[in-house]
Amino acid sequence: MQACYWIIEKLPGLSQQQQTQLKNCGITTTQDLLERGKTVQLKQTLAHKLGMNIVYINKWIALADLARLPSVGCQYCGLLLHSGIASIPQLSQTPAYRLHRQILRLQVATMQRKDLCPPVELVQQWIAEARSLL
């Protein structure tokens, strides 16, 4: 399976100002972001250059990492992160039924709607793709 990379504007949770700051640092895709944040030292350098707390950099890198999975993309990477999944290796080791239950709880707690929860088959696909990408 081939990893997917997205333009930085597609990554959820980035303000217009943050997108511009990243572009000014030469980061225009999620692949660029992952490359520039491979190590703790690189993350700290990027955070310093952007004048931001490293917590934001870590969050964006986690979103970019999860978005590499074709069936997750930028549409579901935020949902996974808010459900407690922060990386592809973590996703690959999570039982589908447990993750689906976590996502359902999150959807009900925040949106008060069960119907927005992705089907368990899609969650299983995410996990299978995560395993094949490792």
N, C-alpha and C. Protein backbone atom coordinates (compact mmCIF):
# COMPACT_ATOMS: atom_id res chain seq x y z
N MET A 1 0.83 -1.19 0.00
CA MET A 1 0.00 0.00 0.00
C MET A 1 0.88 1.25 0.00
N GLN A 2 0.47 2.21 -0.75
CA GLN A 2 1.19 3.48 -0.88
C GLN A 2 0.62 4.50 0.12
N ALA A 3 1.51 5.22 0.78
CA ALA A 3 1.09 6.27 1.70
C ALA A 3 0.56 7.46 0.91
N CYS A 4 -0.38 8.18 1.49
CA CYS A 4 -0.95 9.38 0.87
C CYS A 4 -0.42 10.62 1.58
N TYR A 5 -0.17 11.65 0.79
CA TYR A 5 0.24 12.93 1.36
C TYR A 5 -0.69 14.00 0.83
N TRP A 6 -0.92 15.04 1.63
CA TRP A 6 -1.92 16.05 1.34
C TRP A 6 -1.31 17.43 1.40
N ILE A 7 -1.95 18.38 0.73
CA ILE A 7 -1.51 19.77 0.89
C ILE A 7 -1.85 20.19 2.31
N ILE A 8 -1.04 21.06 2.85
CA ILE A 8 -1.14 21.42 4.26
C ILE A 8 -2.50 22.03 4.62
N GLU A 9 -3.15 22.67 3.65
CA GLU A 9 -4.48 23.28 3.91
C GLU A 9 -5.54 22.25 4.24
N LYS A 10 -5.35 21.01 3.83
CA LYS A 10 -6.34 19.96 4.09
C LYS A 10 -6.27 19.41 5.51
N LEU A 11 -5.14 19.63 6.18
CA LEU A 11 -4.98 19.09 7.53
C LEU A 11 -5.93 19.83 8.48
N PRO A 12 -6.74 19.09 9.25
CA PRO A 12 -7.72 19.76 10.12
C PRO A 12 -7.06 20.48 11.29
N GLY A 13 -7.71 21.54 11.73
CA GLY A 13 -7.28 22.24 12.93
C GLY A 13 -6.22 23.31 12.73
N LEU A 14 -5.80 23.56 11.49
CA LEU A 14 -4.81 24.60 11.24
C LEU A 14 -5.51 25.89 10.83
N SER A 15 -5.18 26.97 11.52
CA SER A 15 -5.75 28.26 11.14
C SER A 15 -5.06 28.75 9.87
N GLN A 16 -5.63 29.75 9.26
CA GLN A 16 -5.04 30.35 8.06
C GLN A 16 -3.63 30.87 8.38
N GLN A 17 -3.48 31.50 9.53
CA GLN A 17 -2.19 32.05 9.94
C GLN A 17 -1.16 30.92 10.11
N GLN A 18 -1.55 29.82 10.73
CA GLN A 18 -0.65 28.70 10.92
C GLN A 18 -0.25 28.07 9.58
N GLN A 19 -1.20 27.97 8.66
CA GLN A 19 -0.89 27.46 7.32
C GLN A 19 0.14 28.34 6.64
N THR A 20 -0.03 29.64 6.76
CA THR A 20 0.90 30.59 6.15
C THR A 20 2.28 30.47 6.79
N GLN A 21 2.32 30.35 8.10
CA GLN A 21 3.60 30.21 8.80
C GLN A 21 4.33 28.95 8.34
N LEU A 22 3.59 27.85 8.21
CA LEU A 22 4.21 26.61 7.76
C LEU A 22 4.74 26.76 6.33
N LYS A 23 3.94 27.39 5.48
CA LYS A 23 4.38 27.61 4.09
C LYS A 23 5.64 28.46 4.03
N ASN A 24 5.71 29.47 4.91
CA ASN A 24 6.89 30.34 4.96
C ASN A 24 8.14 29.57 5.40
N CYS A 25 7.94 28.44 6.06
CA CYS A 25 9.06 27.58 6.45
C CYS A 25 9.32 26.49 5.41
N GLY A 26 8.61 26.56 4.29
CA GLY A 26 8.81 25.57 3.22
C GLY A 26 8.01 24.30 3.40
N ILE A 27 7.01 24.34 4.28
CA ILE A 27 6.18 23.16 4.52
C ILE A 27 4.85 23.37 3.81
N THR A 28 4.66 22.68 2.69
CA THR A 28 3.44 22.83 1.90
C THR A 28 2.60 21.56 1.86
N THR A 29 3.18 20.44 2.30
CA THR A 29 2.46 19.17 2.29
C THR A 29 2.63 18.47 3.64
N THR A 30 1.79 17.46 3.86
CA THR A 30 1.93 16.67 5.09
C THR A 30 3.25 15.90 5.07
N GLN A 31 3.73 15.54 3.89
CA GLN A 31 5.01 14.86 3.79
C GLN A 31 6.14 15.79 4.26
N ASP A 32 6.09 17.05 3.85
CA ASP A 32 7.08 18.04 4.31
C ASP A 32 7.07 18.14 5.84
N LEU A 33 5.87 18.18 6.40
CA LEU A 33 5.73 18.30 7.85
C LEU A 33 6.32 17.09 8.56
N LEU A 34 6.05 15.91 8.04
CA LEU A 34 6.60 14.70 8.64
C LEU A 34 8.12 14.67 8.56
N GLU A 35 8.66 15.11 7.44
CA GLU A 35 10.12 15.15 7.27
C GLU A 35 10.76 16.14 8.24
N ARG A 36 10.12 17.29 8.41
CA ARG A 36 10.68 18.35 9.26
C ARG A 36 10.45 18.08 10.75
N GLY A 37 9.71 17.02 11.07
CA GLY A 37 9.44 16.70 12.47
C GLY A 37 9.80 15.27 12.84
N LYS A 38 10.79 14.72 12.15
CA LYS A 38 11.17 13.32 12.38
C LYS A 38 11.76 13.06 13.76
N THR A 39 12.45 14.03 14.31
CA THR A 39 13.09 13.83 15.62
C THR A 39 12.63 14.92 16.58
N VAL A 40 12.88 14.69 17.84
CA VAL A 40 12.53 15.68 18.87
C VAL A 40 13.27 16.99 18.59
N GLN A 41 14.53 16.88 18.22
CA GLN A 41 15.34 18.08 17.92
C GLN A 41 14.72 18.88 16.77
N LEU A 42 14.32 18.18 15.70
CA LEU A 42 13.71 18.87 14.56
C LEU A 42 12.38 19.51 14.94
N LYS A 43 11.61 18.82 15.77
CA LYS A 43 10.33 19.39 16.23
C LYS A 43 10.57 20.65 17.05
N GLN A 44 11.55 20.61 17.92
CA GLN A 44 11.87 21.78 18.74
C GLN A 44 12.34 22.95 17.88
N THR A 45 13.14 22.64 16.88
CA THR A 45 13.63 23.67 15.96
C THR A 45 12.46 24.31 15.22
N LEU A 46 11.55 23.48 14.73
CA LEU A 46 10.38 23.99 14.00
C LEU A 46 9.50 24.83 14.93
N ALA A 47 9.27 24.35 16.13
CA ALA A 47 8.45 25.09 17.09
C ALA A 47 9.08 26.45 17.37
N HIS A 48 10.39 26.49 17.55
CA HIS A 48 11.09 27.74 17.81
C HIS A 48 10.98 28.68 16.60
N LYS A 49 11.17 28.13 15.41
CA LYS A 49 11.11 28.93 14.19
C LYS A 49 9.72 29.54 13.99
N LEU A 50 8.69 28.76 14.34
CA LEU A 50 7.31 29.24 14.19
C LEU A 50 6.85 30.07 15.39
N GLY A 51 7.62 30.03 16.48
CA GLY A 51 7.23 30.75 17.69
C GLY A 51 6.01 30.13 18.35
N MET A 52 5.96 28.81 18.33
CA MET A 52 4.80 28.09 18.87
C MET A 52 5.24 27.06 19.90
N ASN A 53 4.28 26.66 20.70
CA ASN A 53 4.50 25.59 21.64
C ASN A 53 4.66 24.29 20.86
N ILE A 54 5.56 23.43 21.30
CA ILE A 54 5.81 22.17 20.61
C ILE A 54 4.58 21.26 20.62
N VAL A 55 3.65 21.50 21.53
CA VAL A 55 2.41 20.71 21.58
C VAL A 55 1.68 20.79 20.24
N TYR A 56 1.64 21.97 19.64
CA TYR A 56 0.98 22.14 18.34
C TYR A 56 1.71 21.35 17.26
N ILE A 57 3.03 21.40 17.27
CA ILE A 57 3.82 20.68 16.27
C ILE A 57 3.56 19.18 16.40
N ASN A 58 3.57 18.68 17.63
CA ASN A 58 3.31 17.25 17.87
C ASN A 58 1.92 16.85 17.37
N LYS A 59 0.94 17.70 17.60
CA LYS A 59 -0.43 17.42 17.16
C LYS A 59 -0.49 17.37 15.64
N TRP A 60 0.10 18.35 14.99
CA TRP A 60 0.05 18.40 13.52
C TRP A 60 0.78 17.21 12.91
N ILE A 61 1.88 16.82 13.52
CA ILE A 61 2.63 15.67 13.00
C ILE A 61 1.83 14.39 13.19
N ALA A 62 1.16 14.25 14.31
CA ALA A 62 0.31 13.08 14.54
C ALA A 62 -0.82 13.03 13.51
N LEU A 63 -1.44 14.18 13.23
CA LEU A 63 -2.50 14.23 12.22
C LEU A 63 -1.95 13.87 10.84
N ALA A 64 -0.80 14.42 10.49
CA ALA A 64 -0.18 14.14 9.19
C ALA A 64 0.18 12.66 9.06
N ASP A 65 0.64 12.08 10.16
CA ASP A 65 1.00 10.65 10.15
C ASP A 65 -0.24 9.80 9.89
N LEU A 66 -1.30 10.05 10.63
CA LEU A 66 -2.54 9.27 10.46
C LEU A 66 -3.16 9.49 9.08
N ALA A 67 -3.03 10.69 8.55
CA ALA A 67 -3.61 11.01 7.24
C ALA A 67 -2.91 10.27 6.10
N ARG A 68 -1.75 9.67 6.37
CA ARG A 68 -1.05 8.89 5.33
C ARG A 68 -1.85 7.68 4.88
N LEU A 69 -2.74 7.19 5.73
CA LEU A 69 -3.56 6.03 5.36
C LEU A 69 -4.67 6.49 4.41
N PRO A 70 -4.76 5.86 3.23
CA PRO A 70 -5.74 6.32 2.24
C PRO A 70 -7.18 6.38 2.74
N SER A 71 -7.61 5.40 3.52
CA SER A 71 -9.00 5.39 3.98
C SER A 71 -9.23 6.33 5.16
N VAL A 72 -8.17 6.84 5.76
CA VAL A 72 -8.28 7.81 6.86
C VAL A 72 -8.20 9.22 6.28
N GLY A 73 -7.08 9.51 5.61
CA GLY A 73 -6.89 10.82 5.00
C GLY A 73 -7.10 11.95 5.99
N CYS A 74 -7.39 13.12 5.47
CA CYS A 74 -7.64 14.29 6.31
C CYS A 74 -9.06 14.29 6.86
N GLN A 75 -9.90 13.42 6.33
CA GLN A 75 -11.29 13.35 6.78
C GLN A 75 -11.41 12.75 8.18
N TYR A 76 -10.63 11.71 8.47
CA TYR A 76 -10.79 10.99 9.74
C TYR A 76 -9.59 11.09 10.68
N CYS A 77 -8.49 11.73 10.25
CA CYS A 77 -7.30 11.76 11.11
C CYS A 77 -7.58 12.47 12.44
N GLY A 78 -8.35 13.54 12.41
CA GLY A 78 -8.70 14.25 13.64
C GLY A 78 -9.57 13.42 14.56
N LEU A 79 -10.49 12.68 13.97
CA LEU A 79 -11.36 11.80 14.75
C LEU A 79 -10.53 10.73 15.46
N LEU A 80 -9.58 10.16 14.74
CA LEU A 80 -8.71 9.16 15.36
C LEU A 80 -7.89 9.76 16.49
N LEU A 81 -7.31 10.93 16.25
CA LEU A 81 -6.49 11.57 17.28
C LEU A 81 -7.32 11.87 18.53
N HIS A 82 -8.50 12.39 18.35
CA HIS A 82 -9.38 12.70 19.49
C HIS A 82 -9.91 11.44 20.16
N SER A 83 -9.82 10.31 19.47
CA SER A 83 -10.23 9.04 20.05
C SER A 83 -9.09 8.34 20.77
N GLY A 84 -7.92 8.99 20.80
CA GLY A 84 -6.80 8.44 21.55
C GLY A 84 -5.74 7.75 20.72
N ILE A 85 -5.86 7.79 19.40
CA ILE A 85 -4.88 7.16 18.51
C ILE A 85 -3.97 8.26 17.97
N ALA A 86 -2.66 8.16 18.26
CA ALA A 86 -1.73 9.23 17.89
C ALA A 86 -0.72 8.82 16.83
N SER A 87 -0.73 7.55 16.41
CA SER A 87 0.25 7.12 15.41
C SER A 87 -0.24 5.88 14.67
N ILE A 88 0.39 5.64 13.54
CA ILE A 88 0.06 4.44 12.76
C ILE A 88 0.43 3.17 13.51
N PRO A 89 1.60 3.08 14.15
CA PRO A 89 1.88 1.86 14.94
C PRO A 89 0.85 1.61 16.04
N GLN A 90 0.41 2.67 16.71
CA GLN A 90 -0.61 2.51 17.75
C GLN A 90 -1.92 2.01 17.14
N LEU A 91 -2.30 2.59 16.00
CA LEU A 91 -3.53 2.16 15.32
C LEU A 91 -3.44 0.69 14.92
N SER A 92 -2.29 0.27 14.43
CA SER A 92 -2.13 -1.11 13.95
C SER A 92 -2.31 -2.13 15.06
N GLN A 93 -2.10 -1.72 16.31
CA GLN A 93 -2.19 -2.64 17.44
C GLN A 93 -3.51 -2.54 18.22
N THR A 94 -4.39 -1.67 17.76
CA THR A 94 -5.65 -1.45 18.48
C THR A 94 -6.74 -2.37 17.92
N PRO A 95 -7.43 -3.09 18.79
CA PRO A 95 -8.53 -3.92 18.32
C PRO A 95 -9.66 -3.06 17.74
N ALA A 96 -10.20 -3.49 16.60
CA ALA A 96 -11.22 -2.71 15.89
C ALA A 96 -12.45 -2.45 16.75
N TYR A 97 -12.91 -3.45 17.46
CA TYR A 97 -14.12 -3.27 18.28
C TYR A 97 -13.90 -2.20 19.35
N ARG A 98 -12.70 -2.19 19.95
CA ARG A 98 -12.42 -1.21 21.00
C ARG A 98 -12.33 0.20 20.44
N LEU A 99 -11.64 0.34 19.31
CA LEU A 99 -11.53 1.66 18.68
C LEU A 99 -12.90 2.16 18.23
N HIS A 100 -13.69 1.29 17.64
CA HIS A 100 -15.03 1.69 17.19
C HIS A 100 -15.85 2.18 18.38
N ARG A 101 -15.75 1.48 19.50
CA ARG A 101 -16.49 1.88 20.71
C ARG A 101 -16.01 3.25 21.20
N GLN A 102 -14.69 3.50 21.17
CA GLN A 102 -14.14 4.80 21.58
C GLN A 102 -14.67 5.91 20.68
N ILE A 103 -14.67 5.67 19.38
CA ILE A 103 -15.14 6.68 18.43
C ILE A 103 -16.62 6.95 18.64
N LEU A 104 -17.39 5.90 18.85
CA LEU A 104 -18.83 6.06 19.08
C LEU A 104 -19.07 6.90 20.34
N ARG A 105 -18.32 6.62 21.40
CA ARG A 105 -18.46 7.41 22.64
C ARG A 105 -18.13 8.88 22.38
N LEU A 106 -17.06 9.11 21.63
CA LEU A 106 -16.66 10.48 21.31
C LEU A 106 -17.75 11.20 20.51
N GLN A 107 -18.30 10.54 19.51
CA GLN A 107 -19.33 11.15 18.67
C GLN A 107 -20.58 11.47 19.50
N VAL A 108 -20.95 10.57 20.36
CA VAL A 108 -22.14 10.80 21.19
C VAL A 108 -21.87 11.92 22.19
N ALA A 109 -20.68 11.92 22.79
CA ALA A 109 -20.36 12.94 23.80
C ALA A 109 -20.25 14.34 23.19
N THR A 110 -19.65 14.43 22.01
CA THR A 110 -19.42 15.76 21.44
C THR A 110 -20.53 16.22 20.50
N MET A 111 -21.06 15.32 19.72
CA MET A 111 -22.07 15.70 18.72
C MET A 111 -23.48 15.23 19.09
N GLN A 112 -23.55 14.36 20.10
CA GLN A 112 -24.81 13.75 20.49
C GLN A 112 -25.51 13.06 19.32
N ARG A 113 -24.67 12.40 18.47
CA ARG A 113 -25.20 11.68 17.31
C ARG A 113 -24.40 10.41 17.08
N LYS A 114 -25.09 9.28 17.15
CA LYS A 114 -24.46 7.99 16.87
C LYS A 114 -24.22 7.79 15.39
N ASP A 115 -25.09 8.37 14.57
CA ASP A 115 -25.07 8.10 13.13
C ASP A 115 -23.83 8.67 12.43
N LEU A 116 -23.08 9.54 13.10
CA LEU A 116 -21.87 10.10 12.49
C LEU A 116 -20.66 9.18 12.66
N CYS A 117 -20.80 8.17 13.47
CA CYS A 117 -19.71 7.25 13.71
C CYS A 117 -19.46 6.39 12.46
N PRO A 118 -18.20 6.30 12.02
CA PRO A 118 -17.92 5.45 10.87
C PRO A 118 -18.23 3.99 11.18
N PRO A 119 -18.62 3.22 10.19
CA PRO A 119 -18.94 1.81 10.44
C PRO A 119 -17.71 1.01 10.88
N VAL A 120 -17.94 -0.06 11.61
CA VAL A 120 -16.85 -0.89 12.12
C VAL A 120 -15.99 -1.43 10.98
N GLU A 121 -16.59 -1.66 9.82
CA GLU A 121 -15.83 -2.16 8.66
C GLU A 121 -14.77 -1.15 8.22
N LEU A 122 -15.10 0.14 8.30
CA LEU A 122 -14.13 1.17 7.94
C LEU A 122 -13.01 1.23 8.98
N VAL A 123 -13.35 1.08 10.24
CA VAL A 123 -12.35 1.05 11.30
C VAL A 123 -11.41 -0.13 11.08
N GLN A 124 -11.96 -1.27 10.69
CA GLN A 124 -11.14 -2.45 10.39
C GLN A 124 -10.21 -2.18 9.21
N GLN A 125 -10.70 -1.45 8.22
CA GLN A 125 -9.87 -1.09 7.06
C GLN A 125 -8.71 -0.19 7.49
N TRP A 126 -8.97 0.78 8.38
CA TRP A 126 -7.92 1.65 8.87
C TRP A 126 -6.81 0.83 9.52
N ILE A 127 -7.21 -0.12 10.35
CA ILE A 127 -6.25 -0.96 11.07
C ILE A 127 -5.46 -1.83 10.10
N ALA A 128 -6.14 -2.40 9.11
CA ALA A 128 -5.46 -3.23 8.11
C ALA A 128 -4.45 -2.39 7.31
N GLU A 129 -4.83 -1.18 6.93
CA GLU A 129 -3.92 -0.30 6.19
C GLU A 129 -2.73 0.10 7.06
N ALA A 130 -2.99 0.35 8.34
CA ALA A 130 -1.90 0.71 9.25
C ALA A 130 -0.90 -0.44 9.35
N ARG A 131 -1.40 -1.65 9.43
CA ARG A 131 -0.51 -2.82 9.51
C ARG A 131 0.30 -2.99 8.23
N SER A 132 -0.32 -2.73 7.09
CA SER A 132 0.40 -2.92 5.82
C SER A 132 1.40 -1.81 5.56
N LEU A 133 1.24 -0.66 6.20
CA LEU A 133 2.16 0.46 6.00
C LEU A 133 3.42 0.33 6.86
N LEU A 134 3.33 -0.46 7.92
CA LEU A 134 4.49 -0.61 8.83
C LEU A 134 5.61 -1.40 8.18
